[in-house]
Every structure is written in C-alpha cells, then in structure tokens.
C-alpha cells in the first residue's frame, strides 16, 4: 500500500507500485489490470490519480490500453530492447558523430 506521509505526489506512488509489481512479475505480460475504479478503491485515491499513474505507465511502455476492453501489461523485456536500438539508430543521425567517433 502507498504511504501518504511524504511529499511525493500520490499518482507517482501508485505508478511506482504498479511498475514494481510488473517488474517483479507479480502482474504478468498480457494480464489485464484492475479497472480504474477498482484501482482507486484499492489504493484509496481518486480516479484522477489513477488515470495519471496509468497514463504515465502507458507512455513508458509498461501498459497498453485496448479501448473499452481494459488495460493490459506489455512485455517489458521486448520494450527495453527496442529502446536501446532506437537510441543507437538516432545517434548516427548526428552530423558530428563521425568526428566524435574518430576522436575516441
């Protein structure tokens, strides 16, 4: 459960707890998470707080929404690999990368 006695916003606390459960495998890839209403009841927070936390987890690639069918856990192992590849692809677009690379 989240602690309310520090200055961190509630949505960040909820987000971090859900993220931790995903990373530990307590919530598995492809698994549907609780509805926003049930999450709000579980964490004893507002729907706005839950929406913000879930929105950030979707943006970070931990969750995906499936319209009115709910929100599901994405396979984060594949997500991290894609991010690393994109970083290296983008680095070669820098016009100065050859000079930097040559200087190493």
C-alpha atoms as a PDB file:
ATOM      1  CA  UNK A   1       0.000   0.000   0.000  1.00  0.00           C
ATOM      2  CA  UNK A   2       1.112   3.560  -0.591  1.00  0.00           C
ATOM      3  CA  UNK A   3       2.292   5.839   2.187  1.00  0.00           C
ATOM      4  CA  UNK A   4       0.681   9.254   2.386  1.00  0.00           C
ATOM      5  CA  UNK A   5       3.153  10.888   4.763  1.00  0.00           C
ATOM      6  CA  UNK A   6       5.760  12.125   2.273  1.00  0.00           C
ATOM      7  CA  UNK A   7       5.756  14.877  -0.326  1.00  0.00           C
ATOM      8  CA  UNK A   8       5.760  12.688  -3.453  1.00  0.00           C
ATOM      9  CA  UNK A   9       2.506  13.022  -5.443  1.00  0.00           C
ATOM     10  CA  UNK A  10       0.065  10.157  -4.975  1.00  0.00           C
ATOM     11  CA  UNK A  11      -0.052   9.312  -8.681  1.00  0.00           C
ATOM     12  CA  UNK A  12       3.724   8.757  -8.654  1.00  0.00           C
ATOM     13  CA  UNK A  13       3.432   6.442  -5.653  1.00  0.00           C
ATOM     14  CA  UNK A  14       0.677   4.433  -7.352  1.00  0.00           C
ATOM     15  CA  UNK A  15       2.649   4.354 -10.603  1.00  0.00           C
ATOM     16  CA  UNK A  16       5.807   3.147  -8.861  1.00  0.00           C
ATOM     17  CA  UNK A  17       3.946   0.390  -7.015  1.00  0.00           C
ATOM     18  CA  UNK A  18       2.264  -0.912 -10.169  1.00  0.00           C
ATOM     19  CA  UNK A  19       5.556  -0.652 -12.080  1.00  0.00           C
ATOM     20  CA  UNK A  20       7.333  -2.620  -9.353  1.00  0.00           C
ATOM     21  CA  UNK A  21       4.683  -5.359  -9.494  1.00  0.00           C
ATOM     22  CA  UNK A  22       5.163  -5.612 -13.259  1.00  0.00           C
ATOM     23  CA  UNK A  23       8.965  -5.721 -12.995  1.00  0.00           C
ATOM     24  CA  UNK A  24       8.823  -8.391 -10.263  1.00  0.00           C
ATOM     25  CA  UNK A  25       6.413 -10.480 -12.359  1.00  0.00           C
ATOM     26  CA  UNK A  26       3.553 -10.210  -9.877  1.00  0.00           C
ATOM     27  CA  UNK A  27       1.487  -8.895 -12.800  1.00  0.00           C
ATOM     28  CA  UNK A  28       2.390 -10.837 -15.943  1.00  0.00           C
ATOM     29  CA  UNK A  29       2.640  -9.653 -19.574  1.00  0.00           C
ATOM     30  CA  UNK A  30      -0.734  -9.870 -21.286  1.00  0.00           C
ATOM     31  CA  UNK A  31      -2.578  -9.764 -17.965  1.00  0.00           C
ATOM     32  CA  UNK A  32      -5.434  -7.315 -17.610  1.00  0.00           C
ATOM     33  CA  UNK A  33      -5.057  -4.947 -14.673  1.00  0.00           C
ATOM     34  CA  UNK A  34      -7.926  -3.903 -12.423  1.00  0.00           C
ATOM     35  CA  UNK A  35     -10.362  -1.302 -13.679  1.00  0.00           C
ATOM     36  CA  UNK A  36      -9.644   2.324 -12.825  1.00  0.00           C
ATOM     37  CA  UNK A  37     -12.493   2.293 -10.299  1.00  0.00           C
ATOM     38  CA  UNK A  38     -11.178  -0.824  -8.554  1.00  0.00           C
ATOM     39  CA  UNK A  39      -7.633   0.565  -8.539  1.00  0.00           C
ATOM     40  CA  UNK A  40      -8.930   3.802  -6.988  1.00  0.00           C
ATOM     41  CA  UNK A  41     -10.691   1.794  -4.291  1.00  0.00           C
ATOM     42  CA  UNK A  42      -7.665  -0.440  -3.689  1.00  0.00           C
ATOM     43  CA  UNK A  43      -5.229   2.477  -3.328  1.00  0.00           C
ATOM     44  CA  UNK A  44      -7.841   4.731  -1.697  1.00  0.00           C
ATOM     45  CA  UNK A  45      -7.191   7.556  -4.163  1.00  0.00           C
ATOM     46  CA  UNK A  46      -9.228   9.470  -6.740  1.00  0.00           C
ATOM     47  CA  UNK A  47      -9.864   8.370 -10.313  1.00  0.00           C
ATOM     48  CA  UNK A  48      -7.799  11.341 -11.494  1.00  0.00           C
ATOM     49  CA  UNK A  49      -4.810   9.965  -9.568  1.00  0.00           C
ATOM     50  CA  UNK A  50      -5.253   6.531 -11.149  1.00  0.00           C
ATOM     51  CA  UNK A  51      -5.656   7.992 -14.649  1.00  0.00           C
ATOM     52  CA  UNK A  52      -2.414   9.946 -14.279  1.00  0.00           C
ATOM     53  CA  UNK A  53      -0.476   6.935 -12.978  1.00  0.00           C
ATOM     54  CA  UNK A  54      -1.784   4.623 -15.707  1.00  0.00           C
ATOM     55  CA  UNK A  55      -1.211   7.252 -18.399  1.00  0.00           C
ATOM     56  CA  UNK A  56       2.454   7.509 -17.434  1.00  0.00           C
ATOM     57  CA  UNK A  57       2.843   3.723 -17.389  1.00  0.00           C
ATOM     58  CA  UNK A  58       1.315   3.552 -20.877  1.00  0.00           C
ATOM     59  CA  UNK A  59       3.692   6.295 -22.083  1.00  0.00           C
ATOM     60  CA  UNK A  60       6.662   4.431 -20.584  1.00  0.00           C
ATOM     61  CA  UNK A  61       5.637   1.197 -22.323  1.00  0.00           C
ATOM     62  CA  UNK A  62       4.624  -0.838 -19.279  1.00  0.00           C
ATOM     63  CA  UNK A  63       0.915  -0.916 -20.091  1.00  0.00           C
ATOM     64  CA  UNK A  64      -1.279  -0.682 -23.154  1.00  0.00           C
ATOM     65  CA  UNK A  65      -4.920   0.235 -23.406  1.00  0.00           C
ATOM     66  CA  UNK A  66      -7.279  -1.764 -25.533  1.00  0.00           C
ATOM     67  CA  UNK A  67     -10.166   0.640 -25.967  1.00  0.00           C
ATOM     68  CA  UNK A  68     -13.068  -0.294 -23.744  1.00  0.00           C
ATOM     69  CA  UNK A  69     -11.627  -3.767 -23.136  1.00  0.00           C
ATOM     70  CA  UNK A  70      -9.262  -2.547 -20.446  1.00  0.00           C
ATOM     71  CA  UNK A  71      -5.597  -2.004 -19.784  1.00  0.00           C
ATOM     72  CA  UNK A  72      -3.029  -4.773 -20.158  1.00  0.00           C
ATOM     73  CA  UNK A  73       0.585  -5.336 -19.151  1.00  0.00           C
ATOM     74  CA  UNK A  74       3.046  -5.182 -22.039  1.00  0.00           C
ATOM     75  CA  UNK A  75       6.086  -7.423 -22.271  1.00  0.00           C
ATOM     76  CA  UNK A  76       8.727  -5.013 -20.907  1.00  0.00           C
ATOM     77  CA  UNK A  77      11.616  -7.254 -21.985  1.00  0.00           C
ATOM     78  CA  UNK A  78      10.843  -6.514 -25.638  1.00  0.00           C
ATOM     79  CA  UNK A  79      10.204  -2.849 -24.874  1.00  0.00           C
ATOM     80  CA  UNK A  80      13.676  -2.242 -23.387  1.00  0.00           C
ATOM     81  CA  UNK A  81      15.413  -3.865 -26.343  1.00  0.00           C
ATOM     82  CA  UNK A  82      13.591  -1.634 -28.813  1.00  0.00           C
ATOM     83  CA  UNK A  83      14.535   1.457 -26.841  1.00  0.00           C
ATOM     84  CA  UNK A  84      18.241   0.610 -26.923  1.00  0.00           C
ATOM     85  CA  UNK A  85      18.146   0.002 -30.672  1.00  0.00           C
ATOM     86  CA  UNK A  86      16.380   3.319 -31.267  1.00  0.00           C
ATOM     87  CA  UNK A  87      19.000   5.182 -29.248  1.00  0.00           C
ATOM     88  CA  UNK A  88      21.799   3.776 -31.393  1.00  0.00           C
ATOM     89  CA  UNK A  89      19.885   4.429 -34.612  1.00  0.00           C
ATOM     90  CA  UNK A  90      19.308   8.051 -33.652  1.00  0.00           C
ATOM     91  CA  UNK A  91      22.909   8.662 -32.624  1.00  0.00           C
ATOM     92  CA  UNK A  92      24.155   8.159 -36.189  1.00  0.00           C
ATOM     93  CA  UNK A  93      21.854  10.952 -37.402  1.00  0.00           C
ATOM     94  CA  UNK A  94      24.000  13.472 -35.548  1.00  0.00           C
ATOM     95  CA  UNK A  95      26.179  15.247 -38.162  1.00  0.00           C
ATOM     96  CA  UNK A  96      29.118  15.379 -35.745  1.00  0.00           C
ATOM     97  CA  UNK A  97      29.094  11.711 -34.724  1.00  0.00           C
ATOM     98  CA  UNK A  98      31.860  10.764 -37.181  1.00  0.00           C
ATOM     99  CA  UNK A  99      34.183  13.375 -35.714  1.00  0.00           C
ATOM    100  CA  UNK A 100      33.300  12.285 -32.207  1.00  0.00           C
ATOM    101  CA  UNK A 101      33.748   8.619 -33.085  1.00  0.00           C
ATOM    102  CA  UNK A 102      37.079   9.313 -34.799  1.00  0.00           C
ATOM    103  CA  UNK A 103      38.357  11.117 -31.736  1.00  0.00           C
ATOM    104  CA  UNK A 104      37.741   8.171 -29.428  1.00  0.00           C
END
